[in-house]
PDB file of N, CA and C in Angstrom:
ATOM      1  N   MET A   1     -48.475 147.631  38.842  1.00  0.00           N
ATOM      2  CA  MET A   1     -49.915 147.623  38.977  1.00  0.00           C
ATOM      3  C   MET A   1     -50.243 147.884  40.437  1.00  0.00           C
ATOM      4  N   ASN A   2     -50.710 149.045  40.739  1.00  0.00           N
ATOM      5  CA  ASN A   2     -51.062 149.403  42.101  1.00  0.00           C
ATOM      6  C   ASN A   2     -52.566 149.508  42.255  1.00  0.00           C
ATOM      7  N   ALA A   3     -53.024 149.122  43.426  1.00  0.00           N
ATOM      8  CA  ALA A   3     -54.445 149.239  43.747  1.00  0.00           C
ATOM      9  C   ALA A   3     -54.755 150.687  44.085  1.00  0.00           C
ATOM     10  N   VAL A   4     -56.006 151.022  43.958  1.00  0.00           N
ATOM     11  CA  VAL A   4     -56.455 152.363  44.335  1.00  0.00           C
ATOM     12  C   VAL A   4     -57.563 152.213  45.361  1.00  0.00           C
ATOM     13  N   LEU A   5     -57.714 153.216  46.211  1.00  0.00           N
ATOM     14  CA  LEU A   5     -58.804 153.161  47.172  1.00  0.00           C
ATOM     15  C   LEU A   5     -60.118 153.326  46.443  1.00  0.00           C
ATOM     16  N   SER A   6     -61.024 152.458  46.739  1.00  0.00           N
ATOM     17  CA  SER A   6     -62.328 152.482  46.101  1.00  0.00           C
ATOM     18  C   SER A   6     -63.190 153.588  46.672  1.00  0.00           C
ATOM     19  N   THR A   7     -64.072 154.106  45.856  1.00  0.00           N
ATOM     20  CA  THR A   7     -65.024 155.101  46.346  1.00  0.00           C
ATOM     21  C   THR A   7     -66.338 154.433  46.730  1.00  0.00           C
ATOM     22  N   THR A   8     -66.405 153.112  46.626  1.00  0.00           N
ATOM     23  CA  THR A   8     -67.603 152.393  47.023  1.00  0.00           C
ATOM     24  C   THR A   8     -67.673 152.313  48.537  1.00  0.00           C
ATOM     25  N   PRO A   9     -68.853 152.175  49.104  1.00  0.00           N
ATOM     26  CA  PRO A   9     -68.995 152.149  50.562  1.00  0.00           C
ATOM     27  C   PRO A   9     -68.638 150.806  51.190  1.00  0.00           C
ATOM     28  N   ASP A  10     -67.695 150.083  50.628  1.00  0.00           N
ATOM     29  CA  ASP A  10     -67.331 148.760  51.120  1.00  0.00           C
ATOM     30  C   ASP A  10     -66.193 148.862  52.128  1.00  0.00           C
ATOM     31  N   ALA A  11     -66.325 149.724  53.111  1.00  0.00           N
ATOM     32  CA  ALA A  11     -65.382 149.872  54.228  1.00  0.00           C
ATOM     33  C   ALA A  11     -63.946 150.078  53.769  1.00  0.00           C
ATOM     34  N   GLY A  12     -63.757 150.828  52.704  1.00  0.00           N
ATOM     35  CA  GLY A  12     -62.403 151.137  52.252  1.00  0.00           C
ATOM     36  C   GLY A  12     -61.703 150.028  51.508  1.00  0.00           C
ATOM     37  N   ARG A  13     -62.444 149.029  51.050  1.00  0.00           N
ATOM     38  CA  ARG A  13     -61.821 147.927  50.311  1.00  0.00           C
ATOM     39  C   ARG A  13     -61.185 148.479  49.042  1.00  0.00           C
ATOM     40  N   PRO A  14     -59.886 148.209  48.830  1.00  0.00           N
ATOM     41  CA  PRO A  14     -59.217 148.717  47.631  1.00  0.00           C
ATOM     42  C   PRO A  14     -59.807 148.119  46.362  1.00  0.00           C
ATOM     43  N   ALA A  15     -59.761 148.888  45.308  1.00  0.00           N
ATOM     44  CA  ALA A  15     -60.143 148.405  43.986  1.00  0.00           C
ATOM     45  C   ALA A  15     -58.855 148.148  43.217  1.00  0.00           C
ATOM     46  N   VAL A  16     -58.825 147.064  42.474  1.00  0.00           N
ATOM     47  CA  VAL A  16     -57.627 146.712  41.718  1.00  0.00           C
ATOM     48  C   VAL A  16     -57.905 146.872  40.230  1.00  0.00           C
ATOM     49  N   PRO A  17     -56.859 147.204  39.458  1.00  0.00           N
ATOM     50  CA  PRO A  17     -57.055 147.411  38.031  1.00  0.00           C
ATOM     51  C   PRO A  17     -57.472 146.121  37.327  1.00  0.00           C
ATOM     52  N   CYS A  18     -58.313 146.268  36.349  1.00  0.00           N
ATOM     53  CA  CYS A  18     -58.766 145.146  35.533  1.00  0.00           C
ATOM     54  C   CYS A  18     -57.731 144.903  34.441  1.00  0.00           C
ATOM     55  N   LEU A  19     -57.213 143.690  34.359  1.00  0.00           N
ATOM     56  CA  LEU A  19     -56.173 143.398  33.376  1.00  0.00           C
ATOM     57  C   LEU A  19     -56.745 143.174  31.979  1.00  0.00           C
ATOM     58  N   CYS A  20     -58.009 142.811  31.885  1.00  0.00           N
ATOM     59  CA  CYS A  20     -58.584 142.513  30.567  1.00  0.00           C
ATOM     60  C   CYS A  20     -58.852 143.777  29.758  1.00  0.00           C
ATOM     61  N   CYS A  21     -58.924 144.927  30.403  1.00  0.00           N
ATOM     62  CA  CYS A  21     -59.195 146.171  29.667  1.00  0.00           C
ATOM     63  C   CYS A  21     -58.006 147.123  29.749  1.00  0.00           C
ATOM     64  N   GLY A  22     -56.832 146.584  30.000  1.00  0.00           N
ATOM     65  CA  GLY A  22     -55.634 147.415  30.045  1.00  0.00           C
ATOM     66  C   GLY A  22     -55.518 148.289  31.283  1.00  0.00           C
ATOM     67  N   GLY A  23     -56.251 147.947  32.329  1.00  0.00           N
ATOM     68  CA  GLY A  23     -56.163 148.699  33.577  1.00  0.00           C
ATOM     69  C   GLY A  23     -57.021 149.944  33.624  1.00  0.00           C
ATOM     70  N   THR A  24     -57.917 150.123  32.645  1.00  0.00           N
ATOM     71  CA  THR A  24     -58.761 151.309  32.660  1.00  0.00           C
ATOM     72  C   THR A  24     -59.928 151.167  33.625  1.00  0.00           C
ATOM     73  N   GLY A  25     -60.343 149.947  33.893  1.00  0.00           N
ATOM     74  CA  GLY A  25     -61.414 149.705  34.850  1.00  0.00           C
ATOM     75  C   GLY A  25     -60.866 149.094  36.125  1.00  0.00           C
ATOM     76  N   THR A  26     -61.700 149.038  37.156  1.00  0.00           N
ATOM     77  CA  THR A  26     -61.275 148.437  38.419  1.00  0.00           C
ATOM     78  C   THR A  26     -62.377 147.547  38.960  1.00  0.00           C
ATOM     79  N   PHE A  27     -61.996 146.663  39.865  1.00  0.00           N
ATOM     80  CA  PHE A  27     -62.961 145.826  40.559  1.00  0.00           C
ATOM     81  C   PHE A  27     -62.491 145.650  41.994  1.00  0.00           C
ATOM     82  N   PRO A  28     -63.400 145.328  42.926  1.00  0.00           N
ATOM     83  CA  PRO A  28     -63.015 145.209  44.342  1.00  0.00           C
ATOM     84  C   PRO A  28     -62.037 144.055  44.567  1.00  0.00           C
ATOM     85  N   LEU A  29     -61.173 144.245  45.533  1.00  0.00           N
ATOM     86  CA  LEU A  29     -60.221 143.216  45.934  1.00  0.00           C
ATOM     87  C   LEU A  29     -60.968 141.959  46.350  1.00  0.00           C
ATOM     88  N   ARG A  30     -60.449 140.788  45.952  1.00  0.00           N
ATOM     89  CA  ARG A  30     -61.075 139.509  46.326  1.00  0.00           C
ATOM     90  C   ARG A  30     -61.231 139.393  47.834  1.00  0.00           C
ATOM     91  N   GLU A  31     -62.244 138.692  48.268  1.00  0.00           N
ATOM     92  CA  GLU A  31     -62.574 138.565  49.692  1.00  0.00           C
ATOM     93  C   GLU A  31     -61.415 137.984  50.505  1.00  0.00           C
ATOM     94  N   ASP A  32     -60.763 136.924  50.010  1.00  0.00           N
ATOM     95  CA  ASP A  32     -59.670 136.316  50.782  1.00  0.00           C
ATOM     96  C   ASP A  32     -58.497 137.277  50.933  1.00  0.00           C
ATOM     97  N   LEU A  33     -58.182 138.029  49.890  1.00  0.00           N
ATOM     98  CA  LEU A  33     -57.108 139.014  49.987  1.00  0.00           C
ATOM     99  C   LEU A  33     -57.505 140.162  50.909  1.00  0.00           C
ATOM    100  N   TRP A  34     -58.770 140.569  50.854  1.00  0.00           N
ATOM    101  CA  TRP A  34     -59.268 141.639  51.715  1.00  0.00           C
ATOM    102  C   TRP A  34     -59.172 141.236  53.183  1.00  0.00           C
ATOM    103  N   GLN A  35     -59.545 139.996  53.504  1.00  0.00           N
ATOM    104  CA  GLN A  35     -59.471 139.524  54.892  1.00  0.00           C
ATOM    105  C   GLN A  35     -58.027 139.516  55.391  1.00  0.00           C
ATOM    106  N   THR A  36     -57.107 139.094  54.531  1.00  0.00           N
ATOM    107  CA  THR A  36     -55.693 139.079  54.912  1.00  0.00           C
ATOM    108  C   THR A  36     -55.178 140.502  55.108  1.00  0.00           C
ATOM    109  N   LEU A  37     -55.536 141.398  54.205  1.00  0.00           N
ATOM    110  CA  LEU A  37     -55.100 142.790  54.306  1.00  0.00           C
ATOM    111  C   LEU A  37     -55.601 143.439  55.592  1.00  0.00           C
ATOM    112  N   GLN A  38     -56.818 143.138  55.989  1.00  0.00           N
ATOM    113  CA  GLN A  38     -57.378 143.718  57.207  1.00  0.00           C
ATOM    114  C   GLN A  38     -56.640 143.266  58.461  1.00  0.00           C
ATOM    115  N   ARG A  39     -55.955 142.139  58.401  1.00  0.00           N
ATOM    116  CA  ARG A  39     -55.226 141.631  59.567  1.00  0.00           C
ATOM    117  C   ARG A  39     -53.849 142.266  59.712  1.00  0.00           C
ATOM    118  N   LEU A  40     -53.454 143.093  58.739  1.00  0.00           N
ATOM    119  CA  LEU A  40     -52.157 143.756  58.794  1.00  0.00           C
ATOM    120  C   LEU A  40     -52.308 145.185  59.297  1.00  0.00           C
ATOM    121  N   SER A  41     -51.237 145.692  59.873  1.00  0.00           N
ATOM    122  CA  SER A  41     -51.224 147.037  60.452  1.00  0.00           C
ATOM    123  C   SER A  41     -50.326 147.952  59.627  1.00  0.00           C
ATOM    124  N   PHE A  42     -50.604 149.252  59.698  1.00  0.00           N
ATOM    125  CA  PHE A  42     -49.746 150.239  59.058  1.00  0.00           C
ATOM    126  C   PHE A  42     -48.484 150.496  59.877  1.00  0.00           C
ATOM    127  N   THR A  43     -48.518 150.209  61.172  1.00  0.00           N
ATOM    128  CA  THR A  43     -47.405 150.570  62.049  1.00  0.00           C
ATOM    129  C   THR A  43     -46.680 149.397  62.695  1.00  0.00           C
ATOM    130  N   GLU A  44     -47.314 148.257  62.848  1.00  0.00           N
ATOM    131  CA  GLU A  44     -46.693 147.119  63.520  1.00  0.00           C
ATOM    132  C   GLU A  44     -46.597 145.926  62.565  1.00  0.00           C
ATOM    133  N   ALA A  45     -45.366 145.522  62.263  1.00  0.00           N
ATOM    134  CA  ALA A  45     -45.145 144.401  61.353  1.00  0.00           C
ATOM    135  C   ALA A  45     -45.667 143.102  61.969  1.00  0.00           C
ATOM    136  N   ARG A  46     -46.233 142.245  61.130  1.00  0.00           N
ATOM    137  CA  ARG A  46     -46.729 140.942  61.586  1.00  0.00           C
ATOM    138  C   ARG A  46     -45.978 139.849  60.851  1.00  0.00           C
ATOM    139  N   ARG A  47     -45.639 138.785  61.577  1.00  0.00           N
ATOM    140  CA  ARG A  47     -44.977 137.639  60.965  1.00  0.00           C
ATOM    141  C   ARG A  47     -45.998 136.811  60.210  1.00  0.00           C
ATOM    142  N   THR A  48     -45.530 136.121  59.185  1.00  0.00           N
ATOM    143  CA  THR A  48     -46.400 135.278  58.367  1.00  0.00           C
ATOM    144  C   THR A  48     -47.135 134.258  59.223  1.00  0.00           C
ATOM    145  N   ASP A  49     -46.454 133.658  60.188  1.00  0.00           N
ATOM    146  CA  ASP A  49     -47.095 132.623  61.010  1.00  0.00           C
ATOM    147  C   ASP A  49     -48.216 133.192  61.874  1.00  0.00           C
ATOM    148  N   GLU A  50     -48.203 134.489  62.156  1.00  0.00           N
ATOM    149  CA  GLU A  50     -49.267 135.119  62.931  1.00  0.00           C
ATOM    150  C   GLU A  50     -50.526 135.336  62.090  1.00  0.00           C
ATOM    151  N   LEU A  51     -50.380 135.262  60.784  1.00  0.00           N
ATOM    152  CA  LEU A  51     -51.494 135.527  59.888  1.00  0.00           C
ATOM    153  C   LEU A  51     -52.184 134.262  59.381  1.00  0.00           C
ATOM    154  N   VAL A  52     -51.601 133.096  59.658  1.00  0.00           N
ATOM    155  CA  VAL A  52     -52.189 131.843  59.191  1.00  0.00           C
ATOM    156  C   VAL A  52     -53.525 131.616  59.894  1.00  0.00           C
ATOM    157  N   GLU A  53     -54.546 131.367  59.109  1.00  0.00           N
ATOM    158  CA  GLU A  53     -55.890 131.156  59.634  1.00  0.00           C
ATOM    159  C   GLU A  53     -56.160 129.672  59.801  1.00  0.00           C
ATOM    160  N   ALA A  54     -57.106 129.342  60.649  1.00  0.00           N
ATOM    161  CA  ALA A  54     -57.486 127.945  60.853  1.00  0.00           C
ATOM    162  C   ALA A  54     -57.953 127.352  59.523  1.00  0.00           C
ATOM    163  N   GLY A  55     -57.468 126.177  59.211  1.00  0.00           N
ATOM    164  CA  GLY A  55     -57.858 125.504  57.976  1.00  0.00           C
ATOM    165  C   GLY A  55     -57.082 125.950  56.749  1.00  0.00           C
ATOM    166  N   ARG A  56     -56.117 126.835  56.912  1.00  0.00           N
ATOM    167  CA  ARG A  56     -55.300 127.327  55.801  1.00  0.00           C
ATOM    168  C   ARG A  56     -53.847 126.928  56.029  1.00  0.00           C
ATOM    169  N   THR A  57     -53.116 126.801  54.947  1.00  0.00           N
ATOM    170  CA  THR A  57     -51.701 126.457  55.061  1.00  0.00           C
ATOM    171  C   THR A  57     -50.853 127.714  55.017  1.00  0.00           C
ATOM    172  N   ARG A  58     -49.606 127.580  55.436  1.00  0.00           N
ATOM    173  CA  ARG A  58     -48.668 128.693  55.378  1.00  0.00           C
ATOM    174  C   ARG A  58     -48.448 129.127  53.926  1.00  0.00           C
ATOM    175  N   ASN A  59     -48.461 128.162  53.003  1.00  0.00           N
ATOM    176  CA  ASN A  59     -48.290 128.503  51.588  1.00  0.00           C
ATOM    177  C   ASN A  59     -49.434 129.368  51.089  1.00  0.00           C
ATOM    178  N   ALA A  60     -50.645 129.096  51.541  1.00  0.00           N
ATOM    179  CA  ALA A  60     -51.802 129.887  51.115  1.00  0.00           C
ATOM    180  C   ALA A  60     -51.653 131.332  51.554  1.00  0.00           C
ATOM    181  N   ILE A  61     -51.252 131.549  52.803  1.00  0.00           N
ATOM    182  CA  ILE A  61     -51.102 132.912  53.293  1.00  0.00           C
ATOM    183  C   ILE A  61     -49.934 133.603  52.600  1.00  0.00           C
ATOM    184  N   ASN A  62     -48.859 132.875  52.329  1.00  0.00           N
ATOM    185  CA  ASN A  62     -47.728 133.457  51.600  1.00  0.00           C
ATOM    186  C   ASN A  62     -48.155 133.910  50.213  1.00  0.00           C
ATOM    187  N   ASN A  63     -48.958 133.083  49.529  1.00  0.00           N
ATOM    188  CA  ASN A  63     -49.436 133.446  48.194  1.00  0.00           C
ATOM    189  C   ASN A  63     -50.288 134.710  48.242  1.00  0.00           C
ATOM    190  N   ARG A  64     -51.139 134.823  49.252  1.00  0.00           N
ATOM    191  CA  ARG A  64     -51.965 136.026  49.398  1.00  0.00           C
ATOM    192  C   ARG A  64     -51.096 137.259  49.637  1.00  0.00           C
ATOM    193  N   LEU A  65     -50.106 137.126  50.517  1.00  0.00           N
ATOM    194  CA  LEU A  65     -49.241 138.261  50.840  1.00  0.00           C
ATOM    195  C   LEU A  65     -48.428 138.709  49.631  1.00  0.00           C
ATOM    196  N   VAL A  66     -47.951 137.770  48.835  1.00  0.00           N
ATOM    197  CA  VAL A  66     -47.212 138.125  47.624  1.00  0.00           C
ATOM    198  C   VAL A  66     -48.142 138.820  46.627  1.00  0.00           C
ATOM    199  N   ALA A  67     -49.375 138.348  46.502  1.00  0.00           N
ATOM    200  CA  ALA A  67     -50.345 139.008  45.612  1.00  0.00           C
ATOM    201  C   ALA A  67     -50.611 140.435  46.087  1.00  0.00           C
ATOM    202  N   LEU A  68     -50.765 140.628  47.398  1.00  0.00           N
ATOM    203  CA  LEU A  68     -50.983 141.975  47.945  1.00  0.00           C
ATOM    204  C   LEU A  68     -49.757 142.863  47.741  1.00  0.00           C
ATOM    205  N   GLU A  69     -48.570 142.255  47.821  1.00  0.00           N
ATOM    206  CA  GLU A  69     -47.339 143.012  47.588  1.00  0.00           C
ATOM    207  C   GLU A  69     -47.275 143.477  46.129  1.00  0.00           C
ATOM    208  N   LYS A  70     -47.640 142.614  45.202  1.00  0.00           N
ATOM    209  CA  LYS A  70     -47.631 142.983  43.784  1.00  0.00           C
ATOM    210  C   LYS A  70     -48.632 144.089  43.479  1.00  0.00           C
ATOM    211  N   LEU A  71     -49.694 144.167  44.253  1.00  0.00           N
ATOM    212  CA  LEU A  71     -50.687 145.226  44.087  1.00  0.00           C
ATOM    213  C   LEU A  71     -50.272 146.528  44.767  1.00  0.00           C
ATOM    214  N   GLY A  72     -49.159 146.487  45.509  1.00  0.00           N
ATOM    215  CA  GLY A  72     -48.668 147.687  46.174  1.00  0.00           C
ATOM    216  C   GLY A  72     -49.379 148.000  47.478  1.00  0.00           C
ATOM    217  N   LEU A  73     -49.985 146.985  48.114  1.00  0.00           N
ATOM    218  CA  LEU A  73     -50.733 147.203  49.353  1.00  0.00           C
ATOM    219  C   LEU A  73     -49.967 146.812  50.605  1.00  0.00           C
ATOM    220  N   VAL A  74     -48.959 145.951  50.473  1.00  0.00           N
ATOM    221  CA  VAL A  74     -48.145 145.538  51.618  1.00  0.00           C
ATOM    222  C   VAL A  74     -46.679 145.546  51.200  1.00  0.00           C
ATOM    223  N   THR A  75     -45.803 145.530  52.204  1.00  0.00           N
ATOM    224  CA  THR A  75     -44.375 145.465  51.944  1.00  0.00           C
ATOM    225  C   THR A  75     -43.719 144.563  52.978  1.00  0.00           C
ATOM    226  N   ARG A  76     -42.607 143.986  52.600  1.00  0.00           N
ATOM    227  CA  ARG A  76     -41.826 143.176  53.539  1.00  0.00           C
ATOM    228  C   ARG A  76     -40.989 144.129  54.378  1.00  0.00           C
ATOM    229  N   SER A  77     -41.014 143.934  55.690  1.00  0.00           N
ATOM    230  CA  SER A  77     -40.284 144.861  56.556  1.00  0.00           C
ATOM    231  C   SER A  77     -39.149 144.199  57.308  1.00  0.00           C
ATOM    232  N   GLY A  78     -38.893 142.939  57.061  1.00  0.00           N
ATOM    233  CA  GLY A  78     -37.806 142.250  57.735  1.00  0.00           C
ATOM    234  C   GLY A  78     -38.046 140.756  57.773  1.00  0.00           C
ATOM    235  N   LYS A  79     -37.183 140.070  58.511  1.00  0.00           N
ATOM    236  CA  LYS A  79     -37.280 138.619  58.582  1.00  0.00           C
ATOM    237  C   LYS A  79     -36.673 138.144  59.887  1.00  0.00           C
ATOM    238  N   THR A  80     -37.312 137.163  60.515  1.00  0.00           N
ATOM    239  CA  THR A  80     -36.778 136.518  61.703  1.00  0.00           C
ATOM    240  C   THR A  80     -36.766 135.025  61.424  1.00  0.00           C
ATOM    241  N   GLY A  81     -35.581 134.454  61.273  1.00  0.00           N
ATOM    242  CA  GLY A  81     -35.503 133.051  60.908  1.00  0.00           C
ATOM    243  C   GLY A  81     -36.162 132.831  59.560  1.00  0.00           C
ATOM    244  N   LYS A  82     -37.152 131.938  59.521  1.00  0.00           N
ATOM    245  CA  LYS A  82     -37.850 131.672  58.260  1.00  0.00           C
ATOM    246  C   LYS A  82     -39.110 132.514  58.099  1.00  0.00           C
ATOM    247  N   TRP A  83     -39.420 133.370  59.063  1.00  0.00           N
ATOM    248  CA  TRP A  83     -40.656 134.160  59.015  1.00  0.00           C
ATOM    249  C   TRP A  83     -40.418 135.565  58.477  1.00  0.00           C
ATOM    250  N   VAL A  84     -41.157 135.922  57.456  1.00  0.00           N
ATOM    251  CA  VAL A  84     -41.093 137.264  56.881  1.00  0.00           C
ATOM    252  C   VAL A  84     -42.055 138.155  57.649  1.00  0.00           C
ATOM    253  N   HIS A  85     -41.664 139.400  57.876  1.00  0.00           N
ATOM    254  CA  HIS A  85     -42.521 140.384  58.545  1.00  0.00           C
ATOM    255  C   HIS A  85     -43.164 141.267  57.475  1.00  0.00           C
ATOM    256  N   TRP A  86     -44.465 141.535  57.626  1.00  0.00           N
ATOM    257  CA  TRP A  86     -45.228 142.295  56.631  1.00  0.00           C
ATOM    258  C   TRP A  86     -45.873 143.525  57.259  1.00  0.00           C
ATOM    259  N   LEU A  87     -45.919 144.597  56.496  1.00  0.00           N
ATOM    260  CA  LEU A  87     -46.574 145.840  56.888  1.00  0.00           C
ATOM    261  C   LEU A  87     -47.556 146.258  55.802  1.00  0.00           C
ATOM    262  N   ARG A  88     -48.677 146.792  56.221  1.00  0.00           N
ATOM    263  CA  ARG A  88     -49.627 147.359  55.265  1.00  0.00           C
ATOM    264  C   ARG A  88     -49.136 148.751  54.897  1.00  0.00           C
ATOM    265  N   ILE A  89     -49.280 149.133  53.636  1.00  0.00           N
ATOM    266  CA  ILE A  89     -48.868 150.464  53.201  1.00  0.00           C
ATOM    267  C   ILE A  89     -50.049 151.163  52.531  1.00  0.00           C
ATOM    268  N   ASN A  90     -50.000 152.481  52.487  1.00  0.00           N
ATOM    269  CA  ASN A  90     -51.049 153.239  51.803  1.00  0.00           C
ATOM    270  C   ASN A  90     -50.823 153.126  50.301  1.00  0.00           C
ATOM    271  N   PRO A  91     -51.873 152.788  49.549  1.00  0.00           N
ATOM    272  CA  PRO A  91     -51.703 152.667  48.091  1.00  0.00           C
ATOM    273  C   PRO A  91     -51.527 154.016  47.425  1.00  0.00           C
TER     274      PRO A  91
END
């Protein structure tokens, strides 16, 4: 299940397939996932700990990154100790 770039004027926010209709329709990426995706770069990998926001836990950011990975929007690019490095990819 890969996201597609939306044609809506929402600053390039990806649209994700709707699971209730077999993927024939799409809806905009959730706000929390969109905010996390915007913090990632296409060229410079970021560690998970660099993406943790105030008031959020490391588990919350990990869950978001895994959801974005399942949508085909990010990829793991390496690991340093316990920190995974993430890169944004073109859908």
